C-alpha atoms as a PDB file:
ATOM      1  CA  MET A   1      -3.057  -7.152  -7.217  1.00  0.00           C
ATOM      2  CA  LEU A   2      -3.132  -3.656  -8.649  1.00  0.00           C
ATOM      3  CA  LEU A   3      -1.084  -1.236  -6.579  1.00  0.00           C
ATOM      4  CA  ALA A   4      -0.992   2.531  -7.167  1.00  0.00           C
ATOM      5  CA  TYR A   5       1.466   5.079  -5.827  1.00  0.00           C
ATOM      6  CA  THR A   6       0.368   8.670  -6.372  1.00  0.00           C
ATOM      7  CA  GLY A   7       0.781  12.123  -4.843  1.00  0.00           C
ATOM      8  CA  ASP A   8       2.995  15.170  -5.105  1.00  0.00           C
ATOM      9  CA  GLY A   9       5.861  13.765  -3.048  1.00  0.00           C
ATOM     10  CA  LYS A  10       9.117  12.162  -4.101  1.00  0.00           C
ATOM     11  CA  GLY A  11       9.298   8.381  -3.897  1.00  0.00           C
ATOM     12  CA  LYS A  12       6.563   6.864  -6.071  1.00  0.00           C
ATOM     13  CA  THR A  13       8.895   5.271  -8.610  1.00  0.00           C
ATOM     14  CA  THR A  14      11.325   4.372  -5.839  1.00  0.00           C
ATOM     15  CA  ALA A  15       8.563   2.532  -3.965  1.00  0.00           C
ATOM     16  CA  ALA A  16       7.552   0.649  -7.113  1.00  0.00           C
ATOM     17  CA  LEU A  17      11.149  -0.313  -7.857  1.00  0.00           C
ATOM     18  CA  GLY A  18      11.552  -1.490  -4.260  1.00  0.00           C
ATOM     19  CA  VAL A  19       8.617  -3.876  -4.704  1.00  0.00           C
ATOM     20  CA  LEU A  20      10.072  -4.994  -8.047  1.00  0.00           C
ATOM     21  CA  LEU A  21      13.409  -5.734  -6.382  1.00  0.00           C
ATOM     22  CA  ARG A  22      11.667  -7.707  -3.643  1.00  0.00           C
ATOM     23  CA  ALA A  23       9.695  -9.714  -6.226  1.00  0.00           C
ATOM     24  CA  TRP A  24      12.823 -10.334  -8.318  1.00  0.00           C
ATOM     25  CA  GLY A  25      14.574 -11.548  -5.165  1.00  0.00           C
ATOM     26  CA  HIS A  26      11.832 -14.155  -4.780  1.00  0.00           C
ATOM     27  CA  GLY A  27      12.466 -15.374  -8.306  1.00  0.00           C
ATOM     28  CA  MET A  28       9.490 -13.624  -9.849  1.00  0.00           C
ATOM     29  CA  ARG A  29       9.681 -12.483 -13.473  1.00  0.00           C
ATOM     30  CA  THR A  30       9.544  -8.684 -13.547  1.00  0.00           C
ATOM     31  CA  LEU A  31       9.096  -5.947 -16.128  1.00  0.00           C
ATOM     32  CA  ALA A  32       9.561  -2.207 -15.591  1.00  0.00           C
ATOM     33  CA  VAL A  33       7.827   0.037 -18.122  1.00  0.00           C
ATOM     34  CA  PHE A  34       8.682   3.738 -18.074  1.00  0.00           C
ATOM     35  CA  LEU A  35       5.778   5.363 -19.908  1.00  0.00           C
ATOM     36  CA  MET A  36       6.986   8.961 -19.672  1.00  0.00           C
ATOM     37  CA  LYS A  37      10.728   8.658 -19.033  1.00  0.00           C
ATOM     38  CA  THR A  38      13.855   8.078 -21.040  1.00  0.00           C
ATOM     39  CA  PRO A  39      16.828   6.184 -19.596  1.00  0.00           C
ATOM     40  CA  ARG A  40      19.062   9.268 -19.722  1.00  0.00           C
ATOM     41  CA  TYR A  41      19.208  12.422 -17.655  1.00  0.00           C
ATOM     42  CA  MET A  42      21.950  15.036 -17.290  1.00  0.00           C
ATOM     43  CA  ASN A  43      24.051  13.359 -20.028  1.00  0.00           C
ATOM     44  CA  ASP A  44      24.145  10.036 -18.175  1.00  0.00           C
ATOM     45  CA  TYR A  45      22.046   6.923 -17.837  1.00  0.00           C
ATOM     46  CA  VAL A  46      19.831   7.031 -14.770  1.00  0.00           C
ATOM     47  CA  GLY A  47      20.684   4.721 -11.903  1.00  0.00           C
ATOM     48  CA  GLU A  48      17.611   2.531 -12.238  1.00  0.00           C
ATOM     49  CA  TYR A  49      18.403   1.914 -15.913  1.00  0.00           C
ATOM     50  CA  LYS A  50      21.932   0.830 -15.008  1.00  0.00           C
ATOM     51  CA  ALA A  51      20.742  -1.349 -12.113  1.00  0.00           C
ATOM     52  CA  LEU A  52      17.944  -3.055 -14.041  1.00  0.00           C
ATOM     53  CA  LYS A  53      20.336  -3.787 -16.895  1.00  0.00           C
ATOM     54  CA  ARG A  54      22.982  -5.243 -14.526  1.00  0.00           C
ATOM     55  CA  LEU A  55      20.381  -7.431 -12.821  1.00  0.00           C
ATOM     56  CA  GLY A  56      18.976  -8.623 -16.137  1.00  0.00           C
ATOM     57  CA  ILE A  57      15.517  -7.213 -15.389  1.00  0.00           C
ATOM     58  CA  ASP A  58      13.453  -6.401 -18.459  1.00  0.00           C
ATOM     59  CA  ALA A  59      12.626  -2.729 -18.976  1.00  0.00           C
ATOM     60  CA  LEU A  60      10.890  -0.692 -21.656  1.00  0.00           C
ATOM     61  CA  TYR A  61      11.321   3.049 -22.072  1.00  0.00           C
ATOM     62  CA  LEU A  62       9.441   5.811 -23.829  1.00  0.00           C
ATOM     63  CA  GLU A  63      12.215   6.248 -26.381  1.00  0.00           C
ATOM     64  CA  ASP A  64      11.595   2.664 -27.518  1.00  0.00           C
ATOM     65  CA  HIS A  65       8.092   3.548 -28.770  1.00  0.00           C
ATOM     66  CA  LYS A  66       7.803   7.342 -28.891  1.00  0.00           C
ATOM     67  CA  ARG A  67       4.254   7.410 -27.480  1.00  0.00           C
ATOM     68  CA  PRO A  68       3.054   6.301 -24.023  1.00  0.00           C
ATOM     69  CA  GLU A  69      -0.077   4.657 -25.421  1.00  0.00           C
ATOM     70  CA  GLU A  70       2.026   2.455 -27.742  1.00  0.00           C
ATOM     71  CA  LEU A  71       4.287   1.503 -24.858  1.00  0.00           C
ATOM     72  CA  LEU A  72       1.249   0.599 -22.747  1.00  0.00           C
ATOM     73  CA  GLU A  73      -0.082  -1.640 -25.518  1.00  0.00           C
ATOM     74  CA  GLU A  74       3.234  -3.492 -25.751  1.00  0.00           C
ATOM     75  CA  ALA A  75       3.360  -3.890 -21.978  1.00  0.00           C
ATOM     76  CA  LEU A  76      -0.158  -5.324 -21.914  1.00  0.00           C
ATOM     77  CA  ALA A  77       0.659  -7.688 -24.782  1.00  0.00           C
ATOM     78  CA  ARG A  78       3.704  -8.977 -22.885  1.00  0.00           C
ATOM     79  CA  ALA A  79       2.170  -8.906 -19.388  1.00  0.00           C
ATOM     80  CA  SER A  80       1.333 -12.613 -19.210  1.00  0.00           C
ATOM     81  CA  ASP A  81       5.062 -13.409 -19.451  1.00  0.00           C
ATOM     82  CA  TYR A  82       5.675 -11.746 -16.069  1.00  0.00           C
ATOM     83  CA  ASP A  83       4.677 -12.003 -12.433  1.00  0.00           C
ATOM     84  CA  LEU A  84       5.015  -8.259 -11.748  1.00  0.00           C
ATOM     85  CA  VAL A  85       4.799  -5.290 -14.114  1.00  0.00           C
ATOM     86  CA  ILE A  86       5.491  -1.668 -13.200  1.00  0.00           C
ATOM     87  CA  LEU A  87       3.800   0.995 -15.324  1.00  0.00           C
ATOM     88  CA  ASP A  88       5.773   4.010 -14.151  1.00  0.00           C
ATOM     89  CA  GLU A  89       4.124   7.422 -14.648  1.00  0.00           C
ATOM     90  CA  PHE A  90       0.872   5.780 -15.805  1.00  0.00           C
ATOM     91  CA  ASN A  91      -1.104   8.334 -13.799  1.00  0.00           C
ATOM     92  CA  TYR A  92       0.875  11.226 -15.257  1.00  0.00           C
ATOM     93  CA  ALA A  93       0.205   9.874 -18.768  1.00  0.00           C
ATOM     94  CA  VAL A  94      -3.511   9.905 -17.859  1.00  0.00           C
ATOM     95  CA  ARG A  95      -3.218  13.494 -16.625  1.00  0.00           C
ATOM     96  CA  GLN A  96      -1.500  14.522 -19.860  1.00  0.00           C
ATOM     97  CA  GLY A  97      -4.201  12.877 -21.999  1.00  0.00           C
ATOM     98  CA  PHE A  98      -2.016  10.136 -23.521  1.00  0.00           C
ATOM     99  CA  ILE A  99      -3.933   7.380 -21.724  1.00  0.00           C
ATOM    100  CA  LYS A 100      -7.618   7.397 -20.782  1.00  0.00           C
ATOM    101  CA  PRO A 101      -8.513   6.997 -17.089  1.00  0.00           C
ATOM    102  CA  SER A 102     -10.668   3.996 -18.036  1.00  0.00           C
ATOM    103  CA  GLU A 103      -7.495   2.101 -19.039  1.00  0.00           C
ATOM    104  CA  VAL A 104      -7.127   1.247 -15.327  1.00  0.00           C
ATOM    105  CA  ARG A 105      -9.944  -1.262 -15.834  1.00  0.00           C
ATOM    106  CA  ARG A 106      -7.750  -3.204 -18.288  1.00  0.00           C
ATOM    107  CA  LEU A 107      -5.198  -3.683 -15.508  1.00  0.00           C
ATOM    108  CA  LEU A 108      -7.681  -5.250 -13.093  1.00  0.00           C
ATOM    109  CA  GLY A 109      -7.424  -9.006 -12.902  1.00  0.00           C
ATOM    110  CA  LEU A 110      -4.339  -9.314 -15.094  1.00  0.00           C
ATOM    111  CA  LYS A 111      -2.174 -12.370 -14.430  1.00  0.00           C
ATOM    112  CA  PRO A 112       0.792 -10.364 -13.170  1.00  0.00           C
ATOM    113  CA  HIS A 113       0.626  -8.014 -10.239  1.00  0.00           C
ATOM    114  CA  VAL A 114       0.702  -4.468 -11.607  1.00  0.00           C
ATOM    115  CA  ILE A 115       2.064  -1.319 -10.010  1.00  0.00           C
ATOM    116  CA  ILE A 116       1.197   2.088 -11.425  1.00  0.00           C
ATOM    117  CA  THR A 117       2.779   5.358 -10.376  1.00  0.00           C
ATOM    118  CA  GLY A 118       2.311   9.036 -11.102  1.00  0.00           C
ATOM    119  CA  ASN A 119       1.276  12.266  -9.464  1.00  0.00           C
ATOM    120  CA  TYR A 120      -2.383  12.308 -10.481  1.00  0.00           C
ATOM    121  CA  LEU A 121      -5.327  10.970  -8.502  1.00  0.00           C
ATOM    122  CA  TYR A 122      -8.522  10.319 -10.481  1.00  0.00           C
ATOM    123  CA  ASP A 123     -11.695   8.377  -9.703  1.00  0.00           C
ATOM    124  CA  GLU A 124     -10.802   5.208 -11.635  1.00  0.00           C
ATOM    125  CA  LEU A 125      -7.553   4.919  -9.698  1.00  0.00           C
ATOM    126  CA  LEU A 126      -9.600   3.979  -6.644  1.00  0.00           C
ATOM    127  CA  LEU A 127     -10.384   0.644  -8.344  1.00  0.00           C
ATOM    128  CA  ALA A 128      -6.847  -0.462  -7.418  1.00  0.00           C
ATOM    129  CA  ASP A 129      -6.329  -2.877  -4.531  1.00  0.00           C
ATOM    130  CA  LEU A 130      -3.914  -0.450  -2.896  1.00  0.00           C
ATOM    131  CA  VAL A 131      -3.614   3.305  -3.354  1.00  0.00           C
ATOM    132  CA  SER A 132      -0.837   5.060  -1.460  1.00  0.00           C
ATOM    133  CA  GLU A 133      -0.428   8.816  -1.599  1.00  0.00           C
ATOM    134  CA  VAL A 134       3.073  10.195  -1.223  1.00  0.00           C
ATOM    135  CA  LYS A 135       2.829  13.706   0.186  1.00  0.00           C
ATOM    136  CA  SER A 136       5.549  16.320  -0.096  1.00  0.00           C
ATOM    137  CA  VAL A 137       6.249  18.111   3.161  1.00  0.00           C
ATOM    138  CA  LYS A 138       9.556  19.642   2.058  1.00  0.00           C
ATOM    139  CA  HIS A 139      11.648  19.212  -1.089  1.00  0.00           C
ATOM    140  CA  TYR A 140      15.124  20.489  -1.911  1.00  0.00           C
ATOM    141  CA  TYR A 141      14.004  21.413  -5.441  1.00  0.00           C
ATOM    142  CA  LYS A 142      12.390  24.519  -3.918  1.00  0.00           C
ATOM    143  CA  SER A 143      15.808  25.662  -2.676  1.00  0.00           C
ATOM    144  CA  GLY A 144      17.202  25.506  -6.213  1.00  0.00           C
ATOM    145  CA  VAL A 145      18.757  22.013  -6.194  1.00  0.00           C
ATOM    146  CA  VAL A 146      17.911  20.531  -9.599  1.00  0.00           C
ATOM    147  CA  GLY A 147      18.705  16.954  -8.702  1.00  0.00           C
ATOM    148  CA  VAL A 148      21.210  14.732  -6.953  1.00  0.00           C
ATOM    149  CA  ARG A 149      22.963  11.938  -8.826  1.00  0.00           C
ATOM    150  CA  GLY A 150      22.158   8.603  -7.199  1.00  0.00           C
ATOM    151  CA  ILE A 151      19.092  10.002  -5.450  1.00  0.00           C
ATOM    152  CA  ASP A 152      17.117  11.652  -8.254  1.00  0.00           C
ATOM    153  CA  TRP A 153      18.645   9.904 -11.212  1.00  0.00           C
END
């Protein structure tokens, strides 16, 4: 299955990590790949980095490779070792021109289930088996809150 979480609302990565946790709980081999994120924010490691490390779940971050397209290539090369792979911010990397929209086709029919996230909806994304759009109705960022430890990082 290829699952995609997109939209302007908060919760795309959280949804993907929830599926990863469920899969891991069933004994599935999981890999989280953060194409556009580093494991640190506000002078601290982000909560998902700490949790994945404690659980022994494999994760790759942008700082490991410097370029999203290199990180994607490593993830694809390693994909057959896993049952579920998250490609976090894949859609944003497409929007920013690091990854071509046609790369979605490479994800179709892979041995592991793949989840892609990011706030950009493009035609090729509709090839996924599931596309969920997370819509922002209200967000505390607009009131000047820059982030909440444990919720945003």
